[in-house]
């Protein structure tokens, strides 16, 4: 389809636990989930707290733009989130 770009979803696996890594970084930064969501919304990525919780728990796939926004909101690196 011309003019239609489907966003790539990143699926967590048994080796890389993206959600747990996101949670660990958030806690290390002393941030609440709602603060991360608010920062993402300011960046221009729409997300609810409920969706964010599902990502941290590893029960929802994360899109590339969501991962980038979380990285920016947490002031971290992809390496730290994907270790």
Protein backbone atom coordinates (compact mmCIF):
# COMPACT_ATOMS: atom_id res chain seq x y z
CA UNK A 1 0.00 0.00 0.00
CA UNK A 2 1.45 3.28 -1.05
CA UNK A 3 1.79 5.91 1.70
CA UNK A 4 1.19 3.33 4.43
CA UNK A 5 4.00 2.39 6.77
CA UNK A 6 3.42 -0.29 9.32
CA UNK A 7 5.37 0.25 12.52
CA UNK A 8 7.70 -2.57 13.42
CA UNK A 9 6.92 -4.26 16.75
CA UNK A 10 9.73 -5.62 18.87
CA UNK A 11 8.95 -8.91 20.58
CA UNK A 12 10.63 -9.79 23.85
CA UNK A 13 12.18 -13.23 24.15
CA UNK A 14 13.69 -15.53 26.75
CA UNK A 15 17.14 -13.95 26.43
CA UNK A 16 16.44 -10.21 26.29
CA UNK A 17 13.78 -9.01 28.71
CA UNK A 18 13.16 -5.49 27.43
CA UNK A 19 10.28 -4.79 29.82
CA UNK A 20 12.27 -5.82 32.89
CA UNK A 21 15.23 -3.77 31.68
CA UNK A 22 12.96 -0.73 31.22
CA UNK A 23 11.57 -1.24 34.73
CA UNK A 24 15.06 -1.58 36.24
CA UNK A 25 16.27 1.63 34.58
CA UNK A 26 13.11 3.51 35.60
CA UNK A 27 13.51 2.48 39.23
CA UNK A 28 17.22 3.34 39.17
CA UNK A 29 16.27 6.81 37.89
CA UNK A 30 13.71 7.18 40.70
CA UNK A 31 10.86 7.68 38.25
CA UNK A 32 7.25 6.55 38.52
CA UNK A 33 5.51 4.89 35.59
CA UNK A 34 3.22 7.87 35.13
CA UNK A 35 6.25 10.18 34.89
CA UNK A 36 7.72 8.10 32.06
CA UNK A 37 4.37 8.10 30.23
CA UNK A 38 4.06 11.87 30.66
CA UNK A 39 7.59 12.39 29.29
CA UNK A 40 6.77 10.17 26.31
CA UNK A 41 3.65 12.19 25.59
CA UNK A 42 5.73 15.39 25.64
CA UNK A 43 8.04 13.79 23.08
CA UNK A 44 4.97 13.12 20.93
CA UNK A 45 4.43 9.40 21.51
CA UNK A 46 0.97 8.62 22.78
CA UNK A 47 0.77 5.92 25.42
CA UNK A 48 -1.42 5.14 28.42
CA UNK A 49 -0.06 4.04 31.77
CA UNK A 50 -1.86 0.72 31.28
CA UNK A 51 0.03 0.07 28.05
CA UNK A 52 3.30 1.07 29.68
CA UNK A 53 2.66 -1.38 32.55
CA UNK A 54 2.03 -4.19 30.03
CA UNK A 55 5.33 -3.39 28.29
CA UNK A 56 7.23 -3.48 31.60
CA UNK A 57 5.60 -6.82 32.43
CA UNK A 58 6.55 -8.21 29.03
CA UNK A 59 2.99 -8.99 27.99
CA UNK A 60 2.78 -6.41 25.18
CA UNK A 61 5.11 -5.93 22.26
CA UNK A 62 6.79 -2.56 22.03
CA UNK A 63 7.04 -0.53 18.84
CA UNK A 64 10.29 1.00 17.67
CA UNK A 65 8.97 4.53 18.27
CA UNK A 66 7.81 3.59 21.77
CA UNK A 67 11.24 2.13 22.57
CA UNK A 68 12.92 5.30 21.32
CA UNK A 69 10.59 7.50 23.42
CA UNK A 70 11.17 5.37 26.53
CA UNK A 71 14.92 5.60 25.94
CA UNK A 72 14.67 9.38 25.75
CA UNK A 73 12.27 9.68 28.70
CA UNK A 74 14.61 7.61 30.88
CA UNK A 75 17.71 9.36 29.54
CA UNK A 76 19.37 6.02 28.82
CA UNK A 77 20.84 4.05 25.94
CA UNK A 78 19.54 1.26 23.74
CA UNK A 79 22.36 -0.91 25.07
CA UNK A 80 21.03 -0.55 28.60
CA UNK A 81 17.47 -1.39 27.51
CA UNK A 82 18.47 -4.33 25.32
CA UNK A 83 21.16 -5.96 27.51
